[in-house]
Amino acid sequence: MVLYGIVLFMAALFYFLLTKALVRIHGNESVVVKAVGNDFKEKISLFIYSAALVSSFFIPYLGFALYFVVAIIWLIPDRRVERTINE
């Protein structure tokens, strides 16, 4: 569970950093910023992954449940990019 959590946390961290780098490169008024917009999912995923990673050391089932919660969060469609392209 811990190794799985490390992989998931690192993937989420680098996705978050990638979006921040794209926003910085393209400026605050670009289409990229409008498409990325609110990064709530990214931030909450990082928080839950870090909590799951720590809890996996002590209660592996809780870690698994938290990893599952993040998967459910990301199954909810995120229409930011499609909405921005259609504008």
Protein backbone atom coordinates (compact mmCIF):
# COMPACT_ATOMS: atom_id res chain seq x y z
CA MET A 1 0.00 0.00 0.00
CA VAL A 2 2.81 2.41 0.82
CA LEU A 3 4.63 1.89 -2.48
CA TYR A 4 1.37 2.25 -4.39
CA GLY A 5 0.72 5.47 -2.49
CA ILE A 6 4.14 6.83 -3.34
CA VAL A 7 3.52 6.24 -7.04
CA LEU A 8 0.08 7.85 -6.90
CA PHE A 9 1.30 10.81 -4.86
CA MET A 10 4.22 11.46 -7.22
CA ALA A 11 1.95 11.27 -10.28
CA ALA A 12 -0.47 13.75 -8.70
CA LEU A 13 2.35 16.04 -7.60
CA PHE A 14 3.92 16.20 -11.05
CA TYR A 15 0.53 16.72 -12.71
CA PHE A 16 -0.05 19.65 -10.36
CA LEU A 17 3.42 21.05 -11.11
CA LEU A 18 2.86 20.61 -14.84
CA THR A 19 -0.35 22.61 -14.77
CA LYS A 20 1.33 25.35 -12.72
CA ALA A 21 4.21 25.50 -15.21
CA LEU A 22 1.81 25.73 -18.16
CA VAL A 23 -0.06 28.57 -16.50
CA ARG A 24 3.19 30.41 -15.77
CA ILE A 25 4.45 29.98 -19.34
CA HIS A 26 1.23 31.03 -21.07
CA GLY A 27 0.29 33.95 -18.83
CA ASN A 28 -2.81 34.74 -16.81
CA GLU A 29 -5.05 35.66 -19.75
CA SER A 30 -4.42 32.61 -21.92
CA VAL A 31 -6.77 29.82 -22.92
CA VAL A 32 -4.72 27.41 -20.82
CA VAL A 33 -5.49 29.35 -17.64
CA LYS A 34 -9.18 29.39 -18.50
CA ALA A 35 -9.12 25.65 -19.20
CA VAL A 36 -7.24 24.74 -16.04
CA GLY A 37 -9.00 27.33 -13.92
CA ASN A 38 -9.83 26.11 -10.45
CA ASP A 39 -7.39 23.39 -9.45
CA PHE A 40 -9.48 22.06 -6.56
CA LYS A 41 -9.28 18.43 -7.70
CA GLU A 42 -5.51 18.55 -7.95
CA LYS A 43 -5.08 20.06 -4.50
CA ILE A 44 -7.57 17.79 -2.76
CA SER A 45 -6.01 14.76 -4.47
CA LEU A 46 -2.57 15.68 -3.17
CA PHE A 47 -3.95 16.14 0.33
CA ILE A 48 -5.84 12.82 0.32
CA TYR A 49 -2.89 10.96 -1.20
CA SER A 50 -0.57 12.26 1.49
CA ALA A 51 -3.07 11.29 4.21
CA ALA A 52 -3.48 7.86 2.63
CA LEU A 53 0.27 7.40 2.39
CA VAL A 54 0.77 8.10 6.08
CA SER A 55 -2.21 6.01 7.14
CA SER A 56 -1.02 3.08 5.01
CA PHE A 57 1.85 2.55 7.42
CA PHE A 58 -0.56 1.95 10.30
CA ILE A 59 -3.95 1.03 8.83
CA PRO A 60 -3.55 -0.29 5.26
CA TYR A 61 -7.30 -0.60 4.70
CA LEU A 62 -7.77 3.09 5.46
CA GLY A 63 -5.05 3.95 2.96
CA PHE A 64 -6.77 1.83 0.35
CA ALA A 65 -10.11 3.52 1.08
CA LEU A 66 -8.55 6.96 0.65
CA TYR A 67 -6.92 5.96 -2.64
CA PHE A 68 -10.35 4.79 -3.76
CA VAL A 69 -11.89 8.14 -2.78
CA VAL A 70 -9.46 9.97 -5.06
CA ALA A 71 -10.31 7.60 -7.91
CA ILE A 72 -14.00 8.36 -7.42
CA ILE A 73 -13.27 12.10 -7.39
CA TRP A 74 -11.52 11.82 -10.75
CA LEU A 75 -14.27 9.64 -12.25
CA ILE A 76 -16.56 12.65 -12.03
CA PRO A 77 -16.13 14.30 -15.45
CA ASP A 78 -14.13 17.51 -15.51
CA ARG A 79 -15.47 19.63 -18.34
CA ARG A 80 -13.13 22.60 -17.96
CA VAL A 81 -11.13 21.96 -21.12
CA GLU A 82 -14.14 21.10 -23.29
CA ARG A 83 -16.05 24.16 -22.07
CA THR A 84 -13.12 26.45 -22.80
CA ILE A 85 -12.57 25.03 -26.29
CA ASN A 86 -16.25 25.43 -27.15
CA GLU A 87 -16.27 29.12 -26.14
